[in-house]
């Protein structure tokens, strides 16, 4: 998106003022609480969802809950409430959007724009053209808890590994798992960053075998977890919905890889060689990856890599001796 971005948050009302405004609609307290649960659940499951789509889902799951006018009146007041979501229009997110219709405003998970708009933009880009996963009412409302995650076999195996192989007690394991869950759901965290993140959390993997086992378990958990970037679908479900001939038409270098290449943390030439030698579904994908790589400009000049001297090569000091008999002793 080329829009110039900024964030203008609505004024936050006191609880007393909120209650008074809700009574003016008028809505029963039970109705307001249920709508609030729906909005929080949708923010956690979808990350970003326009009010017109939220209305469509709520009306399908709770047909007699509210009228459209009542829904819009609630959403207008909820914009000024401190919850796990914001309700914002394009005119509050971009400098060049003058007006947004009420139903076109979006329910947005607060974690996507708490510090900057970057996570919001990347999530929105990832969601493009994807359908919404719509569970039944009971299942959807479970996502009111920001740390709710379906109890899949992949989740159970990962948590068991953290307890048994990492020697974590229940409280510590829960805290580490919640950090991993946030990483799985966030477009900002790449799978390759997880081991470093685990180390920062103070979790030590005892052997190479444990590293390989954890990586496999985390990958399986990642692929079976519902994600905002997929509008509630898991990566495995998205793959199944994609026709086989469409599945591998393109691959994209993630934002973290791009940043590492730009800063010199990853060597561009080494990465190019990896692309040239790795197994890919088609040469068209290889060409596209090389094109993406060519568009990346290092922010600082990368140091020229020195050729490694073999033990039987002439010593670079100029003595005429083999390296292993001279400076390589």
C-alpha atoms as a PDB file:
ATOM      1  CA  UNK A   1       0.000   0.000   0.000  1.00  0.00           C
ATOM      2  CA  UNK A   2       1.266   3.410  -0.884  1.00  0.00           C
ATOM      3  CA  UNK A   3      -0.832   5.380   1.599  1.00  0.00           C
ATOM      4  CA  UNK A   4       1.052   7.581   4.029  1.00  0.00           C
ATOM      5  CA  UNK A   5       0.359   6.109   7.457  1.00  0.00           C
ATOM      6  CA  UNK A   6      -0.436   7.480  10.872  1.00  0.00           C
ATOM      7  CA  UNK A   7      -2.635   6.446  13.794  1.00  0.00           C
ATOM      8  CA  UNK A   8      -5.310   8.649  15.380  1.00  0.00           C
ATOM      9  CA  UNK A   9      -6.999   6.772  18.225  1.00  0.00           C
ATOM     10  CA  UNK A  10     -10.488   7.778  19.423  1.00  0.00           C
ATOM     11  CA  UNK A  11     -10.794   9.371  22.872  1.00  0.00           C
ATOM     12  CA  UNK A  12     -11.164   6.804  25.670  1.00  0.00           C
ATOM     13  CA  UNK A  13     -14.355   7.207  27.742  1.00  0.00           C
ATOM     14  CA  UNK A  14     -14.683   6.515  31.446  1.00  0.00           C
ATOM     15  CA  UNK A  15     -16.653   3.428  32.479  1.00  0.00           C
ATOM     16  CA  UNK A  16     -19.427   5.653  33.824  1.00  0.00           C
ATOM     17  CA  UNK A  17     -19.759   7.484  30.520  1.00  0.00           C
ATOM     18  CA  UNK A  18     -19.671   4.222  28.580  1.00  0.00           C
ATOM     19  CA  UNK A  19     -22.451   2.686  30.665  1.00  0.00           C
ATOM     20  CA  UNK A  20     -24.594   5.785  30.208  1.00  0.00           C
ATOM     21  CA  UNK A  21     -24.125   5.748  26.435  1.00  0.00           C
ATOM     22  CA  UNK A  22     -24.890   2.018  26.189  1.00  0.00           C
ATOM     23  CA  UNK A  23     -28.164   2.592  28.070  1.00  0.00           C
ATOM     24  CA  UNK A  24     -29.126   5.241  25.513  1.00  0.00           C
ATOM     25  CA  UNK A  25     -29.130   2.732  22.614  1.00  0.00           C
ATOM     26  CA  UNK A  26     -30.753   0.972  24.601  1.00  0.00           C
ATOM     27  CA  UNK A  27     -29.038  -2.422  24.998  1.00  0.00           C
ATOM     28  CA  UNK A  28     -29.269  -4.912  27.818  1.00  0.00           C
ATOM     29  CA  UNK A  29     -26.044  -5.408  29.753  1.00  0.00           C
ATOM     30  CA  UNK A  30     -26.028  -9.081  28.684  1.00  0.00           C
ATOM     31  CA  UNK A  31     -26.261  -8.044  25.024  1.00  0.00           C
ATOM     32  CA  UNK A  32     -23.430  -5.526  25.339  1.00  0.00           C
ATOM     33  CA  UNK A  33     -21.249  -8.117  27.090  1.00  0.00           C
ATOM     34  CA  UNK A  34     -21.893 -10.691  24.364  1.00  0.00           C
ATOM     35  CA  UNK A  35     -21.073  -8.199  21.583  1.00  0.00           C
ATOM     36  CA  UNK A  36     -17.888  -7.250  23.444  1.00  0.00           C
ATOM     37  CA  UNK A  37     -16.939 -10.942  23.643  1.00  0.00           C
ATOM     38  CA  UNK A  38     -17.534 -11.319  19.909  1.00  0.00           C
ATOM     39  CA  UNK A  39     -15.369  -8.273  19.120  1.00  0.00           C
ATOM     40  CA  UNK A  40     -12.506  -9.462  21.344  1.00  0.00           C
ATOM     41  CA  UNK A  41     -12.700 -12.987  19.915  1.00  0.00           C
ATOM     42  CA  UNK A  42     -12.610 -11.686  16.340  1.00  0.00           C
ATOM     43  CA  UNK A  43      -9.657  -9.409  17.102  1.00  0.00           C
ATOM     44  CA  UNK A  44      -7.720 -12.405  18.453  1.00  0.00           C
ATOM     45  CA  UNK A  45      -8.720 -14.873  15.736  1.00  0.00           C
ATOM     46  CA  UNK A  46      -8.643 -12.600  12.677  1.00  0.00           C
ATOM     47  CA  UNK A  47      -6.348  -9.764  13.754  1.00  0.00           C
ATOM     48  CA  UNK A  48      -8.198  -7.422  11.381  1.00  0.00           C
ATOM     49  CA  UNK A  49     -11.829  -7.671  10.303  1.00  0.00           C
ATOM     50  CA  UNK A  50     -14.131  -4.970   8.846  1.00  0.00           C
ATOM     51  CA  UNK A  51     -17.314  -4.271  10.772  1.00  0.00           C
ATOM     52  CA  UNK A  52     -19.514  -5.337   7.860  1.00  0.00           C
ATOM     53  CA  UNK A  53     -17.951  -8.814   7.943  1.00  0.00           C
ATOM     54  CA  UNK A  54     -18.104  -8.949  11.758  1.00  0.00           C
ATOM     55  CA  UNK A  55     -21.812  -8.058  11.536  1.00  0.00           C
ATOM     56  CA  UNK A  56     -22.394 -10.791   8.965  1.00  0.00           C
ATOM     57  CA  UNK A  57     -20.761 -13.424  11.215  1.00  0.00           C
ATOM     58  CA  UNK A  58     -22.510 -12.266  14.412  1.00  0.00           C
ATOM     59  CA  UNK A  59     -25.904 -12.125  12.707  1.00  0.00           C
ATOM     60  CA  UNK A  60     -25.412 -15.673  11.404  1.00  0.00           C
ATOM     61  CA  UNK A  61     -24.438 -17.033  14.846  1.00  0.00           C
ATOM     62  CA  UNK A  62     -26.843 -14.923  16.962  1.00  0.00           C
ATOM     63  CA  UNK A  63     -29.662 -13.935  14.548  1.00  0.00           C
ATOM     64  CA  UNK A  64     -31.880 -12.147  17.083  1.00  0.00           C
ATOM     65  CA  UNK A  65     -29.185 -10.468  19.165  1.00  0.00           C
ATOM     66  CA  UNK A  66     -29.392  -6.911  17.745  1.00  0.00           C
ATOM     67  CA  UNK A  67     -30.606  -4.923  14.768  1.00  0.00           C
ATOM     68  CA  UNK A  68     -28.170  -3.321  12.341  1.00  0.00           C
ATOM     69  CA  UNK A  69     -28.791   0.102  13.913  1.00  0.00           C
ATOM     70  CA  UNK A  70     -28.089  -1.302  17.383  1.00  0.00           C
ATOM     71  CA  UNK A  71     -24.953  -3.016  16.105  1.00  0.00           C
ATOM     72  CA  UNK A  72     -23.635   0.238  14.632  1.00  0.00           C
ATOM     73  CA  UNK A  73     -24.530   2.192  17.780  1.00  0.00           C
ATOM     74  CA  UNK A  74     -22.651  -0.352  19.928  1.00  0.00           C
ATOM     75  CA  UNK A  75     -19.615  -0.264  17.621  1.00  0.00           C
ATOM     76  CA  UNK A  76     -19.508   3.546  17.748  1.00  0.00           C
ATOM     77  CA  UNK A  77     -19.402   3.524  21.561  1.00  0.00           C
ATOM     78  CA  UNK A  78     -17.015   0.541  21.683  1.00  0.00           C
ATOM     79  CA  UNK A  79     -14.482   2.632  19.733  1.00  0.00           C
ATOM     80  CA  UNK A  80     -13.981   4.623  22.943  1.00  0.00           C
ATOM     81  CA  UNK A  81     -13.644   1.596  25.228  1.00  0.00           C
ATOM     82  CA  UNK A  82     -10.395   0.081  26.547  1.00  0.00           C
ATOM     83  CA  UNK A  83     -10.452  -3.497  25.244  1.00  0.00           C
ATOM     84  CA  UNK A  84      -8.174  -5.858  23.343  1.00  0.00           C
ATOM     85  CA  UNK A  85      -9.148  -4.223  20.068  1.00  0.00           C
ATOM     86  CA  UNK A  86      -9.439  -0.875  18.323  1.00  0.00           C
ATOM     87  CA  UNK A  87     -12.205   0.032  15.883  1.00  0.00           C
ATOM     88  CA  UNK A  88     -10.657   2.345  13.317  1.00  0.00           C
ATOM     89  CA  UNK A  89     -11.394   3.701   9.876  1.00  0.00           C
ATOM     90  CA  UNK A  90      -9.024   4.467   7.052  1.00  0.00           C
ATOM     91  CA  UNK A  91      -9.258   8.163   7.937  1.00  0.00           C
ATOM     92  CA  UNK A  92      -7.681   7.286  11.317  1.00  0.00           C
ATOM     93  CA  UNK A  93      -4.939   5.133   9.809  1.00  0.00           C
ATOM     94  CA  UNK A  94      -3.892   7.063   6.690  1.00  0.00           C
ATOM     95  CA  UNK A  95      -3.343  10.752   6.051  1.00  0.00           C
ATOM     96  CA  UNK A  96      -4.875  10.663   2.560  1.00  0.00           C
ATOM     97  CA  UNK A  97      -8.225   9.027   3.449  1.00  0.00           C
ATOM     98  CA  UNK A  98     -10.851  11.645   4.257  1.00  0.00           C
ATOM     99  CA  UNK A  99     -13.832   9.585   5.360  1.00  0.00           C
ATOM    100  CA  UNK A 100     -14.658   5.962   6.162  1.00  0.00           C
ATOM    101  CA  UNK A 101     -18.214   4.637   6.317  1.00  0.00           C
ATOM    102  CA  UNK A 102     -19.032   3.144   9.742  1.00  0.00           C
ATOM    103  CA  UNK A 103     -19.401  -0.429   8.439  1.00  0.00           C
ATOM    104  CA  UNK A 104     -16.057  -0.152   6.638  1.00  0.00           C
ATOM    105  CA  UNK A 105     -14.175   0.529   9.862  1.00  0.00           C
ATOM    106  CA  UNK A 106     -12.092  -2.386  11.107  1.00  0.00           C
ATOM    107  CA  UNK A 107     -11.812  -4.261  14.387  1.00  0.00           C
ATOM    108  CA  UNK A 108      -8.037  -4.469  14.947  1.00  0.00           C
ATOM    109  CA  UNK A 109      -6.070  -6.445  17.524  1.00  0.00           C
ATOM    110  CA  UNK A 110      -4.304  -3.846  19.695  1.00  0.00           C
ATOM    111  CA  UNK A 111      -0.975  -5.703  19.418  1.00  0.00           C
ATOM    112  CA  UNK A 112      -0.874  -4.914  15.690  1.00  0.00           C
ATOM    113  CA  UNK A 113      -0.638  -1.150  16.167  1.00  0.00           C
ATOM    114  CA  UNK A 114       0.477  -0.573  19.756  1.00  0.00           C
ATOM    115  CA  UNK A 115       3.937   0.689  18.770  1.00  0.00           C
ATOM    116  CA  UNK A 116       3.728   1.263  15.012  1.00  0.00           C
ATOM    117  CA  UNK A 117       1.514   0.467  12.061  1.00  0.00           C
ATOM    118  CA  UNK A 118       4.020  -1.945  10.456  1.00  0.00           C
ATOM    119  CA  UNK A 119       2.557  -5.172  11.890  1.00  0.00           C
ATOM    120  CA  UNK A 120      -0.926  -4.050  10.893  1.00  0.00           C
ATOM    121  CA  UNK A 121       0.177  -3.377   7.323  1.00  0.00           C
ATOM    122  CA  UNK A 122       2.057  -6.662   6.987  1.00  0.00           C
ATOM    123  CA  UNK A 123      -0.882  -8.648   8.420  1.00  0.00           C
ATOM    124  CA  UNK A 124      -3.323  -6.880   6.109  1.00  0.00           C
ATOM    125  CA  UNK A 125      -1.110  -7.633   3.122  1.00  0.00           C
ATOM    126  CA  UNK A 126      -0.913 -11.319   4.128  1.00  0.00           C
ATOM    127  CA  UNK A 127      -4.713 -11.555   4.445  1.00  0.00           C
ATOM    128  CA  UNK A 128      -5.413 -10.301   0.944  1.00  0.00           C
ATOM    129  CA  UNK A 129      -7.989 -12.398  -0.979  1.00  0.00           C
ATOM    130  CA  UNK A 130      -8.169 -15.088   1.731  1.00  0.00           C
ATOM    131  CA  UNK A 131     -11.546 -16.343   3.024  1.00  0.00           C
ATOM    132  CA  UNK A 132     -12.619 -16.123   6.677  1.00  0.00           C
ATOM    133  CA  UNK A 133     -12.676 -19.198   8.880  1.00  0.00           C
ATOM    134  CA  UNK A 134     -16.021 -19.093  10.711  1.00  0.00           C
ATOM    135  CA  UNK A 135     -16.454 -21.615  13.556  1.00  0.00           C
ATOM    136  CA  UNK A 136     -19.630 -22.164  15.553  1.00  0.00           C
ATOM    137  CA  UNK A 137     -20.592 -19.675  18.263  1.00  0.00           C
ATOM    138  CA  UNK A 138     -19.089 -21.604  21.205  1.00  0.00           C
ATOM    139  CA  UNK A 139     -15.779 -22.132  19.434  1.00  0.00           C
ATOM    140  CA  UNK A 140     -15.514 -18.530  18.229  1.00  0.00           C
ATOM    141  CA  UNK A 141     -16.170 -17.098  21.695  1.00  0.00           C
ATOM    142  CA  UNK A 142     -13.349 -19.214  23.136  1.00  0.00           C
ATOM    143  CA  UNK A 143     -11.009 -16.868  21.268  1.00  0.00           C
ATOM    144  CA  UNK A 144     -12.040 -14.075  23.634  1.00  0.00           C
ATOM    145  CA  UNK A 145      -9.031 -15.335  25.605  1.00  0.00           C
ATOM    146  CA  UNK A 146      -5.964 -13.995  23.708  1.00  0.00           C
ATOM    147  CA  UNK A 147      -4.000 -17.121  24.691  1.00  0.00           C
ATOM    148  CA  UNK A 148      -6.659 -19.610  23.629  1.00  0.00           C
ATOM    149  CA  UNK A 149      -5.394 -22.242  21.246  1.00  0.00           C
ATOM    150  CA  UNK A 150      -7.160 -25.378  20.067  1.00  0.00           C
ATOM    151  CA  UNK A 151      -5.964 -28.462  21.937  1.00  0.00           C
ATOM    152  CA  UNK A 152      -4.457 -30.268  18.956  1.00  0.00           C
ATOM    153  CA  UNK A 153      -2.081 -33.268  19.154  1.00  0.00           C
ATOM    154  CA  UNK A 154       0.676 -30.973  17.815  1.00  0.00           C
ATOM    155  CA  UNK A 155       0.130 -28.537  20.681  1.00  0.00           C
ATOM    156  CA  UNK A 156       0.145 -31.352  23.257  1.00  0.00           C
ATOM    157  CA  UNK A 157       3.407 -32.801  21.930  1.00  0.00           C
ATOM    158  CA  UNK A 158       5.158 -29.418  21.932  1.00  0.00           C
ATOM    159  CA  UNK A 159       4.082 -28.644  25.497  1.00  0.00           C
ATOM    160  CA  UNK A 160       5.098 -32.109  26.677  1.00  0.00           C
ATOM    161  CA  UNK A 161       8.551 -31.584  25.152  1.00  0.00           C
ATOM    162  CA  UNK A 162       8.962 -28.240  26.948  1.00  0.00           C
ATOM    163  CA  UNK A 163       8.126 -29.865  30.280  1.00  0.00           C
ATOM    164  CA  UNK A 164      10.079 -33.071  29.911  1.00  0.00           C
ATOM    165  CA  UNK A 165      13.158 -32.128  27.875  1.00  0.00           C
ATOM    166  CA  UNK A 166      13.553 -28.516  29.036  1.00  0.00           C
ATOM    167  CA  UNK A 167      12.759 -29.251  32.697  1.00  0.00           C
ATOM    168  CA  UNK A 168      10.116 -26.516  32.992  1.00  0.00           C
ATOM    169  CA  UNK A 169       7.547 -26.506  35.778  1.00  0.00           C
ATOM    170  CA  UNK A 170       3.887 -25.859  34.922  1.00  0.00           C
ATOM    171  CA  UNK A 171       4.023 -22.086  35.466  1.00  0.00           C
ATOM    172  CA  UNK A 172       7.251 -21.616  33.510  1.00  0.00           C
ATOM    173  CA  UNK A 173       6.112 -23.914  30.697  1.00  0.00           C
ATOM    174  CA  UNK A 174       2.855 -21.959  30.328  1.00  0.00           C
ATOM    175  CA  UNK A 175       4.749 -18.664  30.075  1.00  0.00           C
ATOM    176  CA  UNK A 176       7.167 -20.049  27.456  1.00  0.00           C
ATOM    177  CA  UNK A 177       4.349 -21.648  25.464  1.00  0.00           C
ATOM    178  CA  UNK A 178       2.394 -18.378  25.387  1.00  0.00           C
ATOM    179  CA  UNK A 179       5.469 -16.604  24.028  1.00  0.00           C
ATOM    180  CA  UNK A 180       5.804 -19.272  21.330  1.00  0.00           C
ATOM    181  CA  UNK A 181       2.091 -18.987  20.527  1.00  0.00           C
ATOM    182  CA  UNK A 182       2.427 -15.231  20.036  1.00  0.00           C
ATOM    183  CA  UNK A 183       5.351 -15.859  17.690  1.00  0.00           C
ATOM    184  CA  UNK A 184       3.409 -18.436  15.670  1.00  0.00           C
ATOM    185  CA  UNK A 185       0.508 -16.019  15.177  1.00  0.00           C
ATOM    186  CA  UNK A 186       2.618 -12.961  14.367  1.00  0.00           C
ATOM    187  CA  UNK A 187       3.826 -12.130  10.862  1.00  0.00           C
ATOM    188  CA  UNK A 188       6.870 -10.477  12.477  1.00  0.00           C
ATOM    189  CA  UNK A 189       8.338 -13.744  13.783  1.00  0.00           C
ATOM    190  CA  UNK A 190       9.913 -16.187  11.340  1.00  0.00           C
ATOM    191  CA  UNK A 191      10.388 -19.874  12.131  1.00  0.00           C
ATOM    192  CA  UNK A 192      14.153 -19.425  11.895  1.00  0.00           C
ATOM    193  CA  UNK A 193      14.074 -16.874  14.752  1.00  0.00           C
ATOM    194  CA  UNK A 194      12.470 -19.237  17.257  1.00  0.00           C
ATOM    195  CA  UNK A 195      15.641 -20.904  18.593  1.00  0.00           C
ATOM    196  CA  UNK A 196      17.163 -17.499  19.339  1.00  0.00           C
ATOM    197  CA  UNK A 197      13.931 -16.416  21.016  1.00  0.00           C
ATOM    198  CA  UNK A 198      13.886 -19.607  23.075  1.00  0.00           C
ATOM    199  CA  UNK A 199      17.420 -18.871  24.272  1.00  0.00           C
ATOM    200  CA  UNK A 200      16.417 -15.333  25.266  1.00  0.00           C
ATOM    201  CA  UNK A 201      13.611 -16.847  27.342  1.00  0.00           C
ATOM    202  CA  UNK A 202      16.248 -18.822  29.225  1.00  0.00           C
ATOM    203  CA  UNK A 203      15.293 -22.201  27.764  1.00  0.00           C
ATOM    204  CA  UNK A 204      18.262 -24.423  26.948  1.00  0.00           C
ATOM    205  CA  UNK A 205      18.086 -27.343  24.532  1.00  0.00           C
ATOM    206  CA  UNK A 206      20.531 -29.967  25.781  1.00  0.00           C
ATOM    207  CA  UNK A 207      21.656 -31.601  22.545  1.00  0.00           C
ATOM    208  CA  UNK A 208      21.573 -31.372  18.771  1.00  0.00           C
ATOM    209  CA  UNK A 209      18.935 -34.089  18.816  1.00  0.00           C
ATOM    210  CA  UNK A 210      16.769 -31.941  21.111  1.00  0.00           C
ATOM    211  CA  UNK A 211      17.193 -28.976  18.744  1.00  0.00           C
ATOM    212  CA  UNK A 212      16.056 -31.101  15.799  1.00  0.00           C
ATOM    213  CA  UNK A 213      13.142 -32.535  17.788  1.00  0.00           C
ATOM    214  CA  UNK A 214      11.992 -29.104  18.977  1.00  0.00           C
ATOM    215  CA  UNK A 215      12.247 -27.669  15.449  1.00  0.00           C
ATOM    216  CA  UNK A 216      10.071 -30.486  14.080  1.00  0.00           C
ATOM    217  CA  UNK A 217       7.484 -30.121  16.866  1.00  0.00           C
ATOM    218  CA  UNK A 218       7.361 -26.333  16.522  1.00  0.00           C
ATOM    219  CA  UNK A 219       6.952 -26.587  12.749  1.00  0.00           C
ATOM    220  CA  UNK A 220       4.052 -29.048  13.141  1.00  0.00           C
ATOM    221  CA  UNK A 221       2.429 -26.770  15.742  1.00  0.00           C
ATOM    222  CA  UNK A 222       2.916 -23.757  13.460  1.00  0.00           C
ATOM    223  CA  UNK A 223       1.210 -25.501  10.548  1.00  0.00           C
ATOM    224  CA  UNK A 224      -1.853 -26.489  12.609  1.00  0.00           C
ATOM    225  CA  UNK A 225      -2.435 -23.202  14.466  1.00  0.00           C
ATOM    226  CA  UNK A 226      -5.114 -20.696  13.442  1.00  0.00           C
ATOM    227  CA  UNK A 227      -3.514 -17.446  12.357  1.00  0.00           C
ATOM    228  CA  UNK A 228      -4.683 -13.854  11.832  1.00  0.00           C
ATOM    229  CA  UNK A 229      -2.628 -13.641   8.621  1.00  0.00           C
ATOM    230  CA  UNK A 230      -4.812 -16.485   7.248  1.00  0.00           C
ATOM    231  CA  UNK A 231      -8.045 -14.971   8.603  1.00  0.00           C
ATOM    232  CA  UNK A 232      -8.362 -17.787  11.114  1.00  0.00           C
ATOM    233  CA  UNK A 233      -7.280 -20.697   8.938  1.00  0.00           C
ATOM    234  CA  UNK A 234      -4.211 -22.812   9.684  1.00  0.00           C
ATOM    235  CA  UNK A 235      -1.352 -23.036   7.145  1.00  0.00           C
ATOM    236  CA  UNK A 236      -2.272 -26.704   6.540  1.00  0.00           C
ATOM    237  CA  UNK A 237      -5.898 -25.749   5.811  1.00  0.00           C
ATOM    238  CA  UNK A 238      -4.807 -22.975   3.455  1.00  0.00           C
ATOM    239  CA  UNK A 239      -2.612 -25.463   1.611  1.00  0.00           C
ATOM    240  CA  UNK A 240      -5.500 -27.919   1.258  1.00  0.00           C
ATOM    241  CA  UNK A 241      -7.782 -25.190  -0.125  1.00  0.00           C
ATOM    242  CA  UNK A 242      -5.242 -24.278  -2.795  1.00  0.00           C
ATOM    243  CA  UNK A 243      -5.404 -26.358  -6.011  1.00  0.00           C
ATOM    244  CA  UNK A 244      -2.204 -28.450  -6.453  1.00  0.00           C
ATOM    245  CA  UNK A 245      -1.198 -26.571  -9.594  1.00  0.00           C
ATOM    246  CA  UNK A 246      -1.485 -23.256  -7.717  1.00  0.00           C
ATOM    247  CA  UNK A 247       0.327 -24.184  -4.492  1.00  0.00           C
ATOM    248  CA  UNK A 248       3.871 -23.374  -5.462  1.00  0.00           C
ATOM    249  CA  UNK A 249       3.537 -20.691  -8.076  1.00  0.00           C
ATOM    250  CA  UNK A 250       5.576 -18.293  -5.986  1.00  0.00           C
ATOM    251  CA  UNK A 251       7.563 -17.912  -2.790  1.00  0.00           C
ATOM    252  CA  UNK A 252       8.341 -14.688  -0.996  1.00  0.00           C
ATOM    253  CA  UNK A 253      11.385 -13.626   0.997  1.00  0.00           C
ATOM    254  CA  UNK A 254      10.005 -12.724   4.441  1.00  0.00           C
ATOM    255  CA  UNK A 255      10.578  -9.310   6.066  1.00  0.00           C
ATOM    256  CA  UNK A 256      13.142 -10.705   8.526  1.00  0.00           C
ATOM    257  CA  UNK A 257      15.219 -12.310   5.756  1.00  0.00           C
ATOM    258  CA  UNK A 258      15.092  -9.073   3.746  1.00  0.00           C
ATOM    259  CA  UNK A 259      16.249  -7.087   6.771  1.00  0.00           C
ATOM    260  CA  UNK A 260      19.104  -9.516   7.510  1.00  0.00           C
ATOM    261  CA  UNK A 261      20.268  -9.288   3.907  1.00  0.00           C
ATOM    262  CA  UNK A 262      20.064  -5.493   3.890  1.00  0.00           C
ATOM    263  CA  UNK A 263      22.040  -5.100   7.113  1.00  0.00           C
ATOM    264  CA  UNK A 264      24.683  -7.649   6.146  1.00  0.00           C
ATOM    265  CA  UNK A 265      23.724 -10.094   8.889  1.00  0.00           C
ATOM    266  CA  UNK A 266      23.167 -12.587   6.059  1.00  0.00           C
ATOM    267  CA  UNK A 267      25.519 -12.625   3.074  1.00  0.00           C
ATOM    268  CA  UNK A 268      23.689 -11.887  -0.180  1.00  0.00           C
ATOM    269  CA  UNK A 269      26.086 -13.915  -2.332  1.00  0.00           C
ATOM    270  CA  UNK A 270      25.862 -16.956  -0.054  1.00  0.00           C
ATOM    271  CA  UNK A 271      22.075 -16.716  -0.098  1.00  0.00           C
ATOM    272  CA  UNK A 272      22.073 -16.466  -3.902  1.00  0.00           C
ATOM    273  CA  UNK A 273      24.106 -19.684  -4.103  1.00  0.00           C
ATOM    274  CA  UNK A 274      21.610 -21.398  -1.794  1.00  0.00           C
ATOM    275  CA  UNK A 275      18.745 -20.404  -4.082  1.00  0.00           C
ATOM    276  CA  UNK A 276      20.650 -21.725  -7.103  1.00  0.00           C
ATOM    277  CA  UNK A 277      21.253 -25.130  -5.499  1.00  0.00           C
ATOM    278  CA  UNK A 278      18.116 -25.736  -3.399  1.00  0.00           C
ATOM    279  CA  UNK A 279      15.335 -28.044  -4.567  1.00  0.00           C
ATOM    280  CA  UNK A 280      12.290 -26.070  -5.686  1.00  0.00           C
ATOM    281  CA  UNK A 281       8.982 -27.090  -7.331  1.00  0.00           C
ATOM    282  CA  UNK A 282       9.804 -25.127 -10.498  1.00  0.00           C
ATOM    283  CA  UNK A 283      12.492 -23.037 -12.139  1.00  0.00           C
ATOM    284  CA  UNK A 284       9.996 -20.168 -12.347  1.00  0.00           C
ATOM    285  CA  UNK A 285      10.048 -19.968  -8.532  1.00  0.00           C
ATOM    286  CA  UNK A 286      13.867 -19.998  -8.538  1.00  0.00           C
ATOM    287  CA  UNK A 287      13.888 -17.145 -11.055  1.00  0.00           C
ATOM    288  CA  UNK A 288      11.371 -15.172  -8.973  1.00  0.00           C
ATOM    289  CA  UNK A 289      13.443 -15.616  -5.776  1.00  0.00           C
ATOM    290  CA  UNK A 290      16.583 -14.477  -7.580  1.00  0.00           C
ATOM    291  CA  UNK A 291      14.682 -11.440  -8.874  1.00  0.00           C
ATOM    292  CA  UNK A 292      13.528 -10.578  -5.326  1.00  0.00           C
ATOM    293  CA  UNK A 293      17.115 -10.973  -4.112  1.00  0.00           C
ATOM    294  CA  UNK A 294      18.431  -8.690  -6.846  1.00  0.00           C
ATOM    295  CA  UNK A 295      16.050  -5.948  -5.683  1.00  0.00           C
ATOM    296  CA  UNK A 296      17.534  -5.947  -2.163  1.00  0.00           C
ATOM    297  CA  UNK A 297      20.147  -3.233  -1.661  1.00  0.00           C
ATOM    298  CA  UNK A 298      22.533  -3.566   1.319  1.00  0.00           C
ATOM    299  CA  UNK A 299      22.222  -0.645   3.737  1.00  0.00           C
ATOM    300  CA  UNK A 300      25.963  -0.909   4.451  1.00  0.00           C
ATOM    301  CA  UNK A 301      28.704  -2.213   2.122  1.00  0.00           C
ATOM    302  CA  UNK A 302      29.317  -5.896   2.774  1.00  0.00           C
ATOM    303  CA  UNK A 303      32.949  -6.849   3.433  1.00  0.00           C
ATOM    304  CA  UNK A 304      34.602  -8.847   0.684  1.00  0.00           C
ATOM    305  CA  UNK A 305      34.836 -12.475   1.738  1.00  0.00           C
ATOM    306  CA  UNK A 306      38.344 -13.926   1.809  1.00  0.00           C
ATOM    307  CA  UNK A 307      38.900 -17.252   0.128  1.00  0.00           C
ATOM    308  CA  UNK A 308      39.602 -20.005   2.640  1.00  0.00           C
ATOM    309  CA  UNK A 309      43.183 -21.309   2.396  1.00  0.00           C
ATOM    310  CA  UNK A 310      43.482 -25.096   2.160  1.00  0.00           C
ATOM    311  CA  UNK A 311      46.092 -26.857   4.263  1.00  0.00           C
ATOM    312  CA  UNK A 312      48.009 -27.965   1.127  1.00  0.00           C
ATOM    313  CA  UNK A 313      47.748 -24.576  -0.633  1.00  0.00           C
ATOM    314  CA  UNK A 314      50.740 -22.208  -0.829  1.00  0.00           C
ATOM    315  CA  UNK A 315      50.903 -20.073   2.313  1.00  0.00           C
ATOM    316  CA  UNK A 316      49.531 -16.547   1.629  1.00  0.00           C
ATOM    317  CA  UNK A 317      52.483 -15.036   3.517  1.00  0.00           C
ATOM    318  CA  UNK A 318      54.661 -15.665   0.428  1.00  0.00           C
ATOM    319  CA  UNK A 319      57.162 -18.044   2.045  1.00  0.00           C
ATOM    320  CA  UNK A 320      56.726 -20.628  -0.717  1.00  0.00           C
ATOM    321  CA  UNK A 321      55.863 -23.309   1.833  1.00  0.00           C
ATOM    322  CA  UNK A 322      52.565 -25.127   2.104  1.00  0.00           C
ATOM    323  CA  UNK A 323      50.101 -23.468   4.481  1.00  0.00           C
ATOM    324  CA  UNK A 324      50.113 -26.462   6.862  1.00  0.00           C
ATOM    325  CA  UNK A 325      53.943 -26.207   7.136  1.00  0.00           C
ATOM    326  CA  UNK A 326      53.917 -22.449   7.703  1.00  0.00           C
ATOM    327  CA  UNK A 327      51.258 -20.151   9.147  1.00  0.00           C
ATOM    328  CA  UNK A 328      48.733 -22.971   9.363  1.00  0.00           C
ATOM    329  CA  UNK A 329      50.687 -24.925  11.980  1.00  0.00           C
END
